[in-house]
Amino acid sequence: MQGDFLLTFFADALVQLRILSDERALRKVVRKFYTFAFAVAPGSADNEQTGAEMSLEEAREQLLAEIATFNMHLQKSALICQAEARQVMEYEKEKERICAYVVLHFMSISADTLGK
């Protein structure tokens, strides 16, 4: 039972590490979330070490601003993916058009040569 828990824990940690190492914007959101979480819990060890507690409202505003920035980043990525999908569809249509033209042209050449 404990082995399953450790396996799941390490698998989750590995996934989180991969996500955070590849995505700078997500790392910033996570960092702001932890700042907010420490502001909510004023007795945490982090606040005692720094000696300066951030106000809850200030931490909340920073977190919301970072989430909005990350959301904009996601929307931009979605638009890029949609544009690329449209390009793929246009490419496929053009490929089909060219193939149809080649087949018709080949058939007309074959018909001409057979008729002579």
PDB file of N, CA and C in Angstrom:
ATOM      1  N   MET A   1       0.823  -1.195   0.000  1.00  0.00           N
ATOM      2  CA  MET A   1       0.000   0.000   0.000  1.00  0.00           C
ATOM      3  C   MET A   1       0.862   1.252   0.000  1.00  0.00           C
ATOM      4  N   GLN A   2       1.884   1.271   0.883  1.00  0.00           N
ATOM      5  CA  GLN A   2       2.752   2.441   0.942  1.00  0.00           C
ATOM      6  C   GLN A   2       3.587   2.553  -0.325  1.00  0.00           C
ATOM      7  N   GLY A   3       3.930   1.414  -0.927  1.00  0.00           N
ATOM      8  CA  GLY A   3       4.675   1.427  -2.180  1.00  0.00           C
ATOM      9  C   GLY A   3       3.889   2.099  -3.291  1.00  0.00           C
ATOM     10  N   ASP A   4       2.574   1.830  -3.336  1.00  0.00           N
ATOM     11  CA  ASP A   4       1.716   2.471  -4.333  1.00  0.00           C
ATOM     12  C   ASP A   4       1.676   3.978  -4.114  1.00  0.00           C
ATOM     13  N   PHE A   5       1.592   4.382  -2.850  1.00  0.00           N
ATOM     14  CA  PHE A   5       1.573   5.807  -2.536  1.00  0.00           C
ATOM     15  C   PHE A   5       2.864   6.479  -2.985  1.00  0.00           C
ATOM     16  N   LEU A   6       4.003   5.848  -2.684  1.00  0.00           N
ATOM     17  CA  LEU A   6       5.293   6.426  -3.080  1.00  0.00           C
ATOM     18  C   LEU A   6       5.432   6.484  -4.589  1.00  0.00           C
ATOM     19  N   LEU A   7       4.972   5.440  -5.278  1.00  0.00           N
ATOM     20  CA  LEU A   7       5.035   5.425  -6.728  1.00  0.00           C
ATOM     21  C   LEU A   7       4.195   6.563  -7.303  1.00  0.00           C
ATOM     22  N   THR A   8       2.991   6.712  -6.782  1.00  0.00           N
ATOM     23  CA  THR A   8       2.112   7.791  -7.235  1.00  0.00           C
ATOM     24  C   THR A   8       2.717   9.150  -6.912  1.00  0.00           C
ATOM     25  N   PHE A   9       3.272   9.289  -5.713  1.00  0.00           N
ATOM     26  CA  PHE A   9       3.889  10.557  -5.305  1.00  0.00           C
ATOM     27  C   PHE A   9       5.030  10.930  -6.244  1.00  0.00           C
ATOM     28  N   PHE A  10       5.912   9.971  -6.529  1.00  0.00           N
ATOM     29  CA  PHE A  10       7.055  10.259  -7.392  1.00  0.00           C
ATOM     30  C   PHE A  10       6.630  10.482  -8.841  1.00  0.00           C
ATOM     31  N   ALA A  11       5.617   9.764  -9.287  1.00  0.00           N
ATOM     32  CA  ALA A  11       5.109   9.984 -10.645  1.00  0.00           C
ATOM     33  C   ALA A  11       4.526  11.388 -10.764  1.00  0.00           C
ATOM     34  N   ASP A  12       3.746  11.810  -9.764  1.00  0.00           N
ATOM     35  CA  ASP A  12       3.187  13.165  -9.766  1.00  0.00           C
ATOM     36  C   ASP A  12       4.288  14.210  -9.711  1.00  0.00           C
ATOM     37  N   ALA A  13       5.288  13.963  -8.894  1.00  0.00           N
ATOM     38  CA  ALA A  13       6.400  14.910  -8.783  1.00  0.00           C
ATOM     39  C   ALA A  13       7.150  15.009 -10.106  1.00  0.00           C
ATOM     40  N   LEU A  14       7.326  13.894 -10.795  1.00  0.00           N
ATOM     41  CA  LEU A  14       8.015  13.908 -12.083  1.00  0.00           C
ATOM     42  C   LEU A  14       7.215  14.684 -13.119  1.00  0.00           C
ATOM     43  N   VAL A  15       5.908  14.453 -13.162  1.00  0.00           N
ATOM     44  CA  VAL A  15       5.050  15.186 -14.096  1.00  0.00           C
ATOM     45  C   VAL A  15       5.108  16.678 -13.805  1.00  0.00           C
ATOM     46  N   GLN A  16       5.003  17.041 -12.528  1.00  0.00           N
ATOM     47  CA  GLN A  16       5.057  18.454 -12.148  1.00  0.00           C
ATOM     48  C   GLN A  16       6.403  19.060 -12.533  1.00  0.00           C
ATOM     49  N   LEU A  17       7.479  18.340 -12.319  1.00  0.00           N
ATOM     50  CA  LEU A  17       8.812  18.835 -12.673  1.00  0.00           C
ATOM     51  C   LEU A  17       8.920  19.065 -14.165  1.00  0.00           C
ATOM     52  N   ARG A  18       8.414  18.139 -14.956  1.00  0.00           N
ATOM     53  CA  ARG A  18       8.461  18.301 -16.417  1.00  0.00           C
ATOM     54  C   ARG A  18       7.634  19.492 -16.875  1.00  0.00           C
ATOM     55  N   ILE A  19       6.456  19.646 -16.297  1.00  0.00           N
ATOM     56  CA  ILE A  19       5.597  20.769 -16.674  1.00  0.00           C
ATOM     57  C   ILE A  19       6.274  22.087 -16.309  1.00  0.00           C
ATOM     58  N   LEU A  20       6.764  22.170 -15.098  1.00  0.00           N
ATOM     59  CA  LEU A  20       7.337  23.425 -14.633  1.00  0.00           C
ATOM     60  C   LEU A  20       8.658  23.744 -15.317  1.00  0.00           C
ATOM     61  N   SER A  21       9.410  22.745 -15.710  1.00  0.00           N
ATOM     62  CA  SER A  21      10.692  23.030 -16.351  1.00  0.00           C
ATOM     63  C   SER A  21      10.502  23.493 -17.781  1.00  0.00           C
ATOM     64  N   ASP A  22       9.403  23.095 -18.407  1.00  0.00           N
ATOM     65  CA  ASP A  22       9.159  23.471 -19.797  1.00  0.00           C
ATOM     66  C   ASP A  22       8.351  24.753 -19.939  1.00  0.00           C
ATOM     67  N   GLU A  23       7.642  25.150 -18.933  1.00  0.00           N
ATOM     68  CA  GLU A  23       6.686  26.243 -19.056  1.00  0.00           C
ATOM     69  C   GLU A  23       7.009  27.352 -18.069  1.00  0.00           C
ATOM     70  N   ARG A  24       7.686  28.376 -18.560  1.00  0.00           N
ATOM     71  CA  ARG A  24       8.108  29.487 -17.701  1.00  0.00           C
ATOM     72  C   ARG A  24       6.908  30.224 -17.105  1.00  0.00           C
ATOM     73  N   ALA A  25       5.885  30.450 -17.927  1.00  0.00           N
ATOM     74  CA  ALA A  25       4.704  31.177 -17.450  1.00  0.00           C
ATOM     75  C   ALA A  25       3.992  30.406 -16.338  1.00  0.00           C
ATOM     76  N   LEU A  26       3.930  29.096 -16.462  1.00  0.00           N
ATOM     77  CA  LEU A  26       3.294  28.285 -15.428  1.00  0.00           C
ATOM     78  C   LEU A  26       4.108  28.317 -14.137  1.00  0.00           C
ATOM     79  N   ARG A  27       5.430  28.317 -14.266  1.00  0.00           N
ATOM     80  CA  ARG A  27       6.282  28.421 -13.076  1.00  0.00           C
ATOM     81  C   ARG A  27       5.985  29.709 -12.318  1.00  0.00           C
ATOM     82  N   LYS A  28       5.776  30.814 -13.078  1.00  0.00           N
ATOM     83  CA  LYS A  28       5.489  32.096 -12.426  1.00  0.00           C
ATOM     84  C   LYS A  28       4.161  32.043 -11.683  1.00  0.00           C
ATOM     85  N   VAL A  29       3.153  31.394 -12.273  1.00  0.00           N
ATOM     86  CA  VAL A  29       1.853  31.269 -11.609  1.00  0.00           C
ATOM     87  C   VAL A  29       2.001  30.454 -10.326  1.00  0.00           C
ATOM     88  N   VAL A  30       2.738  29.359 -10.414  1.00  0.00           N
ATOM     89  CA  VAL A  30       2.937  28.511  -9.225  1.00  0.00           C
ATOM     90  C   VAL A  30       3.678  29.294  -8.145  1.00  0.00           C
ATOM     91  N   ARG A  31       4.677  30.061  -8.537  1.00  0.00           N
ATOM     92  CA  ARG A  31       5.439  30.868  -7.575  1.00  0.00           C
ATOM     93  C   ARG A  31       4.522  31.880  -6.880  1.00  0.00           C
ATOM     94  N   LYS A  32       3.657  32.554  -7.663  1.00  0.00           N
ATOM     95  CA  LYS A  32       2.724  33.525  -7.072  1.00  0.00           C
ATOM     96  C   LYS A  32       1.700  32.830  -6.180  1.00  0.00           C
ATOM     97  N   PHE A  33       1.304  31.624  -6.565  1.00  0.00           N
ATOM     98  CA  PHE A  33       0.372  30.881  -5.726  1.00  0.00           C
ATOM     99  C   PHE A  33       1.002  30.558  -4.373  1.00  0.00           C
ATOM    100  N   TYR A  34       2.254  30.111  -4.398  1.00  0.00           N
ATOM    101  CA  TYR A  34       2.927  29.816  -3.137  1.00  0.00           C
ATOM    102  C   TYR A  34       3.094  31.078  -2.294  1.00  0.00           C
ATOM    103  N   THR A  35       3.372  32.193  -2.935  1.00  0.00           N
ATOM    104  CA  THR A  35       3.459  33.459  -2.205  1.00  0.00           C
ATOM    105  C   THR A  35       2.127  33.780  -1.547  1.00  0.00           C
ATOM    106  N   PHE A  36       1.047  33.586  -2.292  1.00  0.00           N
ATOM    107  CA  PHE A  36      -0.287  33.825  -1.758  1.00  0.00           C
ATOM    108  C   PHE A  36      -0.588  32.859  -0.614  1.00  0.00           C
ATOM    109  N   ALA A  37      -0.232  31.591  -0.795  1.00  0.00           N
ATOM    110  CA  ALA A  37      -0.477  30.596   0.247  1.00  0.00           C
ATOM    111  C   ALA A  37       0.270  30.944   1.528  1.00  0.00           C
ATOM    112  N   PHE A  38       1.508  31.426   1.398  1.00  0.00           N
ATOM    113  CA  PHE A  38       2.266  31.813   2.588  1.00  0.00           C
ATOM    114  C   PHE A  38       1.697  33.082   3.221  1.00  0.00           C
ATOM    115  N   ALA A  39       1.102  33.946   2.408  1.00  0.00           N
ATOM    116  CA  ALA A  39       0.477  35.149   2.964  1.00  0.00           C
ATOM    117  C   ALA A  39      -0.782  34.782   3.746  1.00  0.00           C
ATOM    118  N   VAL A  40      -1.473  33.728   3.308  1.00  0.00           N
ATOM    119  CA  VAL A  40      -2.678  33.275   4.005  1.00  0.00           C
ATOM    120  C   VAL A  40      -2.303  32.652   5.346  1.00  0.00           C
ATOM    121  N   ALA A  41      -1.164  31.958   5.376  1.00  0.00           N
ATOM    122  CA  ALA A  41      -0.708  31.300   6.603  1.00  0.00           C
ATOM    123  C   ALA A  41       0.446  32.102   7.195  1.00  0.00           C
ATOM    124  N   PRO A  42       0.140  33.149   7.984  1.00  0.00           N
ATOM    125  CA  PRO A  42       1.200  34.039   8.471  1.00  0.00           C
ATOM    126  C   PRO A  42       2.205  33.368   9.404  1.00  0.00           C
ATOM    127  N   GLY A  43       1.904  32.242   9.974  1.00  0.00           N
ATOM    128  CA  GLY A  43       2.830  31.584  10.888  1.00  0.00           C
ATOM    129  C   GLY A  43       3.769  30.618  10.183  1.00  0.00           C
ATOM    130  N   SER A  44       3.807  30.666   8.851  1.00  0.00           N
ATOM    131  CA  SER A  44       4.631  29.696   8.124  1.00  0.00           C
ATOM    132  C   SER A  44       6.110  29.979   8.326  1.00  0.00           C
ATOM    133  N   ALA A  45       6.912  28.970   8.087  1.00  0.00           N
ATOM    134  CA  ALA A  45       8.364  29.090   8.287  1.00  0.00           C
ATOM    135  C   ALA A  45       8.976  30.088   7.319  1.00  0.00           C
ATOM    136  N   ASP A  46       8.437  30.171   6.115  1.00  0.00           N
ATOM    137  CA  ASP A  46       8.985  31.094   5.114  1.00  0.00           C
ATOM    138  C   ASP A  46       8.857  32.536   5.579  1.00  0.00           C
ATOM    139  N   ASN A  47       7.697  32.900   6.122  1.00  0.00           N
ATOM    140  CA  ASN A  47       7.494  34.266   6.593  1.00  0.00           C
ATOM    141  C   ASN A  47       8.375  34.584   7.802  1.00  0.00           C
ATOM    142  N   GLU A  48       8.579  33.597   8.646  1.00  0.00           N
ATOM    143  CA  GLU A  48       9.432  33.827   9.816  1.00  0.00           C
ATOM    144  C   GLU A  48      10.884  34.024   9.405  1.00  0.00           C
ATOM    145  N   GLN A  49      11.308  33.330   8.352  1.00  0.00           N
ATOM    146  CA  GLN A  49      12.684  33.472   7.891  1.00  0.00           C
ATOM    147  C   GLN A  49      12.926  34.835   7.263  1.00  0.00           C
ATOM    148  N   THR A  50      11.999  35.296   6.426  1.00  0.00           N
ATOM    149  CA  THR A  50      12.198  36.574   5.742  1.00  0.00           C
ATOM    150  C   THR A  50      11.915  37.741   6.676  1.00  0.00           C
ATOM    151  N   GLY A  51      11.040  37.542   7.613  1.00  0.00           N
ATOM    152  CA  GLY A  51      10.715  38.612   8.547  1.00  0.00           C
ATOM    153  C   GLY A  51       9.763  39.638   7.962  1.00  0.00           C
ATOM    154  N   ALA A  52       9.386  39.478   6.717  1.00  0.00           N
ATOM    155  CA  ALA A  52       8.481  40.432   6.075  1.00  0.00           C
ATOM    156  C   ALA A  52       7.286  39.681   5.519  1.00  0.00           C
ATOM    157  N   GLU A  53       6.124  39.963   6.037  1.00  0.00           N
ATOM    158  CA  GLU A  53       4.922  39.316   5.560  1.00  0.00           C
ATOM    159  C   GLU A  53       4.246  40.196   4.525  1.00  0.00           C
ATOM    160  N   MET A  54       3.922  39.589   3.407  1.00  0.00           N
ATOM    161  CA  MET A  54       3.212  40.312   2.368  1.00  0.00           C
ATOM    162  C   MET A  54       1.740  40.362   2.757  1.00  0.00           C
ATOM    163  N   SER A  55       1.101  41.466   2.483  1.00  0.00           N
ATOM    164  CA  SER A  55      -0.317  41.542   2.810  1.00  0.00           C
ATOM    165  C   SER A  55      -1.097  40.554   1.957  1.00  0.00           C
ATOM    166  N   LEU A  56      -2.147  40.049   2.520  1.00  0.00           N
ATOM    167  CA  LEU A  56      -2.968  39.068   1.834  1.00  0.00           C
ATOM    168  C   LEU A  56      -3.540  39.650   0.547  1.00  0.00           C
ATOM    169  N   GLU A  57      -3.997  40.874   0.608  1.00  0.00           N
ATOM    170  CA  GLU A  57      -4.588  41.510  -0.568  1.00  0.00           C
ATOM    171  C   GLU A  57      -3.545  41.714  -1.666  1.00  0.00           C
ATOM    172  N   GLU A  58      -2.346  42.111  -1.297  1.00  0.00           N
ATOM    173  CA  GLU A  58      -1.271  42.311  -2.275  1.00  0.00           C
ATOM    174  C   GLU A  58      -0.905  40.982  -2.944  1.00  0.00           C
ATOM    175  N   ALA A  59      -0.793  39.928  -2.161  1.00  0.00           N
ATOM    176  CA  ALA A  59      -0.471  38.612  -2.705  1.00  0.00           C
ATOM    177  C   ALA A  59      -1.598  38.121  -3.616  1.00  0.00           C
ATOM    178  N   ARG A  60      -2.834  38.372  -3.220  1.00  0.00           N
ATOM    179  CA  ARG A  60      -3.988  37.982  -4.029  1.00  0.00           C
ATOM    180  C   ARG A  60      -3.981  38.707  -5.364  1.00  0.00           C
ATOM    181  N   GLU A  61      -3.732  39.996  -5.340  1.00  0.00           N
ATOM    182  CA  GLU A  61      -3.707  40.780  -6.579  1.00  0.00           C
ATOM    183  C   GLU A  61      -2.586  40.315  -7.512  1.00  0.00           C
ATOM    184  N   GLN A  62      -1.435  40.014  -6.942  1.00  0.00           N
ATOM    185  CA  GLN A  62      -0.327  39.530  -7.772  1.00  0.00           C
ATOM    186  C   GLN A  62      -0.661  38.182  -8.393  1.00  0.00           C
ATOM    187  N   LEU A  63      -1.295  37.313  -7.604  1.00  0.00           N
ATOM    188  CA  LEU A  63      -1.688  36.006  -8.123  1.00  0.00           C
ATOM    189  C   LEU A  63      -2.710  36.158  -9.245  1.00  0.00           C
ATOM    190  N   LEU A  64      -3.714  36.987  -9.048  1.00  0.00           N
ATOM    191  CA  LEU A  64      -4.736  37.192 -10.078  1.00  0.00           C
ATOM    192  C   LEU A  64      -4.137  37.794 -11.343  1.00  0.00           C
ATOM    193  N   ALA A  65      -3.198  38.718 -11.184  1.00  0.00           N
ATOM    194  CA  ALA A  65      -2.540  39.311 -12.354  1.00  0.00           C
ATOM    195  C   ALA A  65      -1.733  38.253 -13.112  1.00  0.00           C
ATOM    196  N   GLU A  66      -1.060  37.413 -12.386  1.00  0.00           N
ATOM    197  CA  GLU A  66      -0.259  36.356 -13.024  1.00  0.00           C
ATOM    198  C   GLU A  66      -1.157  35.334 -13.716  1.00  0.00           C
ATOM    199  N   ILE A  67      -2.296  35.012 -13.101  1.00  0.00           N
ATOM    200  CA  ILE A  67      -3.247  34.089 -13.726  1.00  0.00           C
ATOM    201  C   ILE A  67      -3.807  34.705 -15.007  1.00  0.00           C
ATOM    202  N   ALA A  68      -4.106  35.987 -14.989  1.00  0.00           N
ATOM    203  CA  ALA A  68      -4.607  36.666 -16.187  1.00  0.00           C
ATOM    204  C   ALA A  68      -3.559  36.639 -17.296  1.00  0.00           C
ATOM    205  N   THR A  69      -2.298  36.859 -16.936  1.00  0.00           N
ATOM    206  CA  THR A  69      -1.221  36.808 -17.921  1.00  0.00           C
ATOM    207  C   THR A  69      -1.095  35.401 -18.497  1.00  0.00           C
ATOM    208  N   PHE A  70      -1.168  34.406 -17.633  1.00  0.00           N
ATOM    209  CA  PHE A  70      -1.079  33.017 -18.086  1.00  0.00           C
ATOM    210  C   PHE A  70      -2.263  32.665 -18.975  1.00  0.00           C
ATOM    211  N   ASN A  71      -3.448  33.146 -18.633  1.00  0.00           N
ATOM    212  CA  ASN A  71      -4.637  32.915 -19.440  1.00  0.00           C
ATOM    213  C   ASN A  71      -4.454  33.514 -20.838  1.00  0.00           C
ATOM    214  N   MET A  72      -3.903  34.701 -20.906  1.00  0.00           N
ATOM    215  CA  MET A  72      -3.648  35.338 -22.199  1.00  0.00           C
ATOM    216  C   MET A  72      -2.655  34.499 -23.006  1.00  0.00           C
ATOM    217  N   HIS A  73      -1.642  33.967 -22.335  1.00  0.00           N
ATOM    218  CA  HIS A  73      -0.660  33.099 -22.988  1.00  0.00           C
ATOM    219  C   HIS A  73      -1.344  31.855 -23.560  1.00  0.00           C
ATOM    220  N   LEU A  74      -2.263  31.269 -22.791  1.00  0.00           N
ATOM    221  CA  LEU A  74      -2.991  30.092 -23.262  1.00  0.00           C
ATOM    222  C   LEU A  74      -3.889  30.422 -24.452  1.00  0.00           C
ATOM    223  N   GLN A  75      -4.541  31.582 -24.403  1.00  0.00           N
ATOM    224  CA  GLN A  75      -5.397  31.989 -25.510  1.00  0.00           C
ATOM    225  C   GLN A  75      -4.564  32.200 -26.780  1.00  0.00           C
ATOM    226  N   LYS A  76      -3.398  32.788 -26.632  1.00  0.00           N
ATOM    227  CA  LYS A  76      -2.507  32.996 -27.776  1.00  0.00           C
ATOM    228  C   LYS A  76      -2.094  31.647 -28.358  1.00  0.00           C
ATOM    229  N   SER A  77      -1.748  30.703 -27.499  1.00  0.00           N
ATOM    230  CA  SER A  77      -1.362  29.368 -27.960  1.00  0.00           C
ATOM    231  C   SER A  77      -2.524  28.683 -28.673  1.00  0.00           C
ATOM    232  N   ALA A  78      -3.731  28.856 -28.155  1.00  0.00           N
ATOM    233  CA  ALA A  78      -4.913  28.257 -28.787  1.00  0.00           C
ATOM    234  C   ALA A  78      -5.137  28.849 -30.167  1.00  0.00           C
ATOM    235  N   LEU A  79      -4.962  30.160 -30.309  1.00  0.00           N
ATOM    236  CA  LEU A  79      -5.121  30.793 -31.618  1.00  0.00           C
ATOM    237  C   LEU A  79      -4.081  30.291 -32.607  1.00  0.00           C
ATOM    238  N   ILE A  80      -2.866  30.111 -32.136  1.00  0.00           N
ATOM    239  CA  ILE A  80      -1.804  29.587 -32.998  1.00  0.00           C
ATOM    240  C   ILE A  80      -2.151  28.173 -33.459  1.00  0.00           C
ATOM    241  N   CYS A  81      -2.642  27.344 -32.535  1.00  0.00           N
ATOM    242  CA  CYS A  81      -3.024  25.969 -32.888  1.00  0.00           C
ATOM    243  C   CYS A  81      -4.167  25.957 -33.901  1.00  0.00           C
ATOM    244  N   GLN A  82      -5.137  26.854 -33.722  1.00  0.00           N
ATOM    245  CA  GLN A  82      -6.250  26.931 -34.663  1.00  0.00           C
ATOM    246  C   GLN A  82      -5.766  27.358 -36.048  1.00  0.00           C
ATOM    247  N   ALA A  83      -4.856  28.331 -36.086  1.00  0.00           N
ATOM    248  CA  ALA A  83      -4.309  28.780 -37.372  1.00  0.00           C
ATOM    249  C   ALA A  83      -3.535  27.650 -38.051  1.00  0.00           C
ATOM    250  N   GLU A  84      -2.768  26.905 -37.282  1.00  0.00           N
ATOM    251  CA  GLU A  84      -2.017  25.785 -37.851  1.00  0.00           C
ATOM    252  C   GLU A  84      -2.961  24.698 -38.360  1.00  0.00           C
ATOM    253  N   ALA A  85      -4.054  24.462 -37.656  1.00  0.00           N
ATOM    254  CA  ALA A  85      -5.033  23.468 -38.102  1.00  0.00           C
ATOM    255  C   ALA A  85      -5.674  23.902 -39.418  1.00  0.00           C
ATOM    256  N   ARG A  86      -5.963  25.206 -39.545  1.00  0.00           N
ATOM    257  CA  ARG A  86      -6.510  25.719 -40.803  1.00  0.00           C
ATOM    258  C   ARG A  86      -5.499  25.553 -41.933  1.00  0.00           C
ATOM    259  N   GLN A  87      -4.225  25.796 -41.652  1.00  0.00           N
ATOM    260  CA  GLN A  87      -3.188  25.623 -42.668  1.00  0.00           C
ATOM    261  C   GLN A  87      -3.102  24.170 -43.116  1.00  0.00           C
ATOM    262  N   VAL A  88      -3.218  23.242 -42.185  1.00  0.00           N
ATOM    263  CA  VAL A  88      -3.180  21.819 -42.533  1.00  0.00           C
ATOM    264  C   VAL A  88      -4.366  21.466 -43.424  1.00  0.00           C
ATOM    265  N   MET A  89      -5.556  21.978 -43.089  1.00  0.00           N
ATOM    266  CA  MET A  89      -6.734  21.710 -43.906  1.00  0.00           C
ATOM    267  C   MET A  89      -6.562  22.273 -45.313  1.00  0.00           C
ATOM    268  N   GLU A  90      -6.027  23.493 -45.411  1.00  0.00           N
ATOM    269  CA  GLU A  90      -5.792  24.096 -46.725  1.00  0.00           C
ATOM    270  C   GLU A  90      -4.769  23.296 -47.517  1.00  0.00           C
ATOM    271  N   TYR A  91      -3.749  22.817 -46.846  1.00  0.00           N
ATOM    272  CA  TYR A  91      -2.733  21.993 -47.497  1.00  0.00           C
ATOM    273  C   TYR A  91      -3.362  20.710 -48.045  1.00  0.00           C
ATOM    274  N   GLU A  92      -4.212  20.070 -47.243  1.00  0.00           N
ATOM    275  CA  GLU A  92      -4.861  18.833 -47.676  1.00  0.00           C
ATOM    276  C   GLU A  92      -5.768  19.085 -48.882  1.00  0.00           C
ATOM    277  N   LYS A  93      -6.518  20.190 -48.853  1.00  0.00           N
ATOM    278  CA  LYS A  93      -7.382  20.533 -49.991  1.00  0.00           C
ATOM    279  C   LYS A  93      -6.545  20.763 -51.243  1.00  0.00           C
ATOM    280  N   GLU A  94      -5.460  21.495 -51.112  1.00  0.00           N
ATOM    281  CA  GLU A  94      -4.587  21.774 -52.251  1.00  0.00           C
ATOM    282  C   GLU A  94      -3.959  20.485 -52.786  1.00  0.00           C
ATOM    283  N   LYS A  95      -3.578  19.615 -51.897  1.00  0.00           N
ATOM    284  CA  LYS A  95      -2.995  18.323 -52.280  1.00  0.00           C
ATOM    285  C   LYS A  95      -4.019  17.496 -53.065  1.00  0.00           C
ATOM    286  N   GLU A  96      -5.268  17.466 -52.582  1.00  0.00           N
ATOM    287  CA  GLU A  96      -6.320  16.739 -53.291  1.00  0.00           C
ATOM    288  C   GLU A  96      -6.588  17.350 -54.658  1.00  0.00           C
ATOM    289  N   ARG A  97      -6.588  18.689 -54.740  1.00  0.00           N
ATOM    290  CA  ARG A  97      -6.821  19.366 -56.012  1.00  0.00           C
ATOM    291  C   ARG A  97      -5.720  19.027 -57.014  1.00  0.00           C
ATOM    292  N   ILE A  98      -4.485  19.047 -56.556  1.00  0.00           N
ATOM    293  CA  ILE A  98      -3.348  18.738 -57.434  1.00  0.00           C
ATOM    294  C   ILE A  98      -3.403  17.283 -57.890  1.00  0.00           C
ATOM    295  N   CYS A  99      -3.708  16.379 -56.967  1.00  0.00           N
ATOM    296  CA  CYS A  99      -3.816  14.958 -57.331  1.00  0.00           C
ATOM    297  C   CYS A  99      -4.916  14.748 -58.368  1.00  0.00           C
ATOM    298  N   ALA A 100      -6.063  15.396 -58.181  1.00  0.00           N
ATOM    299  CA  ALA A 100      -7.160  15.270 -59.139  1.00  0.00           C
ATOM    300  C   ALA A 100      -6.736  15.811 -60.504  1.00  0.00           C
ATOM    301  N   TYR A 101      -6.041  16.928 -60.520  1.00  0.00           N
ATOM    302  CA  TYR A 101      -5.563  17.513 -61.776  1.00  0.00           C
ATOM    303  C   TYR A 101      -4.588  16.568 -62.471  1.00  0.00           C
ATOM    304  N   VAL A 102      -3.667  15.989 -61.729  1.00  0.00           N
ATOM    305  CA  VAL A 102      -2.675  15.078 -62.297  1.00  0.00           C
ATOM    306  C   VAL A 102      -3.366  13.847 -62.870  1.00  0.00           C
ATOM    307  N   VAL A 103      -4.331  13.288 -62.153  1.00  0.00           N
ATOM    308  CA  VAL A 103      -5.043  12.108 -62.629  1.00  0.00           C
ATOM    309  C   VAL A 103      -5.797  12.435 -63.911  1.00  0.00           C
ATOM    310  N   LEU A 104      -6.517  13.557 -63.933  1.00  0.00           N
ATOM    311  CA  LEU A 104      -7.265  13.941 -65.144  1.00  0.00           C
ATOM    312  C   LEU A 104      -6.319  14.193 -66.309  1.00  0.00           C
ATOM    313  N   HIS A 105      -5.224  14.851 -66.042  1.00  0.00           N
ATOM    314  CA  HIS A 105      -4.247  15.134 -67.094  1.00  0.00           C
ATOM    315  C   HIS A 105      -3.639  13.832 -67.622  1.00  0.00           C
ATOM    316  N   PHE A 106      -3.307  12.919 -66.726  1.00  0.00           N
ATOM    317  CA  PHE A 106      -2.745  11.628 -67.125  1.00  0.00           C
ATOM    318  C   PHE A 106      -3.755  10.827 -67.945  1.00  0.00           C
ATOM    319  N   MET A 107      -5.038  10.873 -67.533  1.00  0.00           N
ATOM    320  CA  MET A 107      -6.068  10.150 -68.266  1.00  0.00           C
ATOM    321  C   MET A 107      -6.257  10.722 -69.664  1.00  0.00           C
ATOM    322  N   SER A 108      -6.184  12.057 -69.782  1.00  0.00           N
ATOM    323  CA  SER A 108      -6.351  12.655 -71.100  1.00  0.00           C
ATOM    324  C   SER A 108      -5.165  12.329 -71.995  1.00  0.00           C
ATOM    325  N   ILE A 109      -3.968  12.272 -71.455  1.00  0.00           N
ATOM    326  CA  ILE A 109      -2.788  11.895 -72.238  1.00  0.00           C
ATOM    327  C   ILE A 109      -2.887  10.439 -72.651  1.00  0.00           C
ATOM    328  N   SER A 110      -3.336   9.581 -71.749  1.00  0.00           N
ATOM    329  CA  SER A 110      -3.493   8.170 -72.065  1.00  0.00           C
ATOM    330  C   SER A 110      -4.542   7.959 -73.145  1.00  0.00           C
ATOM    331  N   ALA A 111      -5.631   8.685 -73.066  1.00  0.00           N
ATOM    332  CA  ALA A 111      -6.697   8.573 -74.069  1.00  0.00           C
ATOM    333  C   ALA A 111      -6.201   9.034 -75.433  1.00  0.00           C
ATOM    334  N   ASP A 112      -5.397  10.100 -75.449  1.00  0.00           N
ATOM    335  CA  ASP A 112      -4.839  10.612 -76.707  1.00  0.00           C
ATOM    336  C   ASP A 112      -3.901   9.598 -77.340  1.00  0.00           C
ATOM    337  N   THR A 113      -3.049   8.987 -76.529  1.00  0.00           N
ATOM    338  CA  THR A 113      -2.077   8.028 -77.066  1.00  0.00           C
ATOM    339  C   THR A 113      -2.750   6.740 -77.500  1.00  0.00           C
ATOM    340  N   LEU A 114      -3.814   6.331 -76.834  1.00  0.00           N
ATOM    341  CA  LEU A 114      -4.538   5.126 -77.228  1.00  0.00           C
ATOM    342  C   LEU A 114      -5.336   5.341 -78.497  1.00  0.00           C
ATOM    343  N   GLY A 115      -5.789   6.563 -78.682  1.00  0.00           N
ATOM    344  CA  GLY A 115      -6.608   6.884 -79.869  1.00  0.00           C
ATOM    345  C   GLY A 115      -5.782   6.991 -81.121  1.00  0.00           C
ATOM    346  N   LYS A 116      -4.502   7.139 -81.016  1.00  0.00           N
ATOM    347  CA  LYS A 116      -3.661   7.308 -82.224  1.00  0.00           C
ATOM    348  C   LYS A 116      -3.219   6.023 -82.752  1.00  0.00           C
TER     349      LYS A 116
END
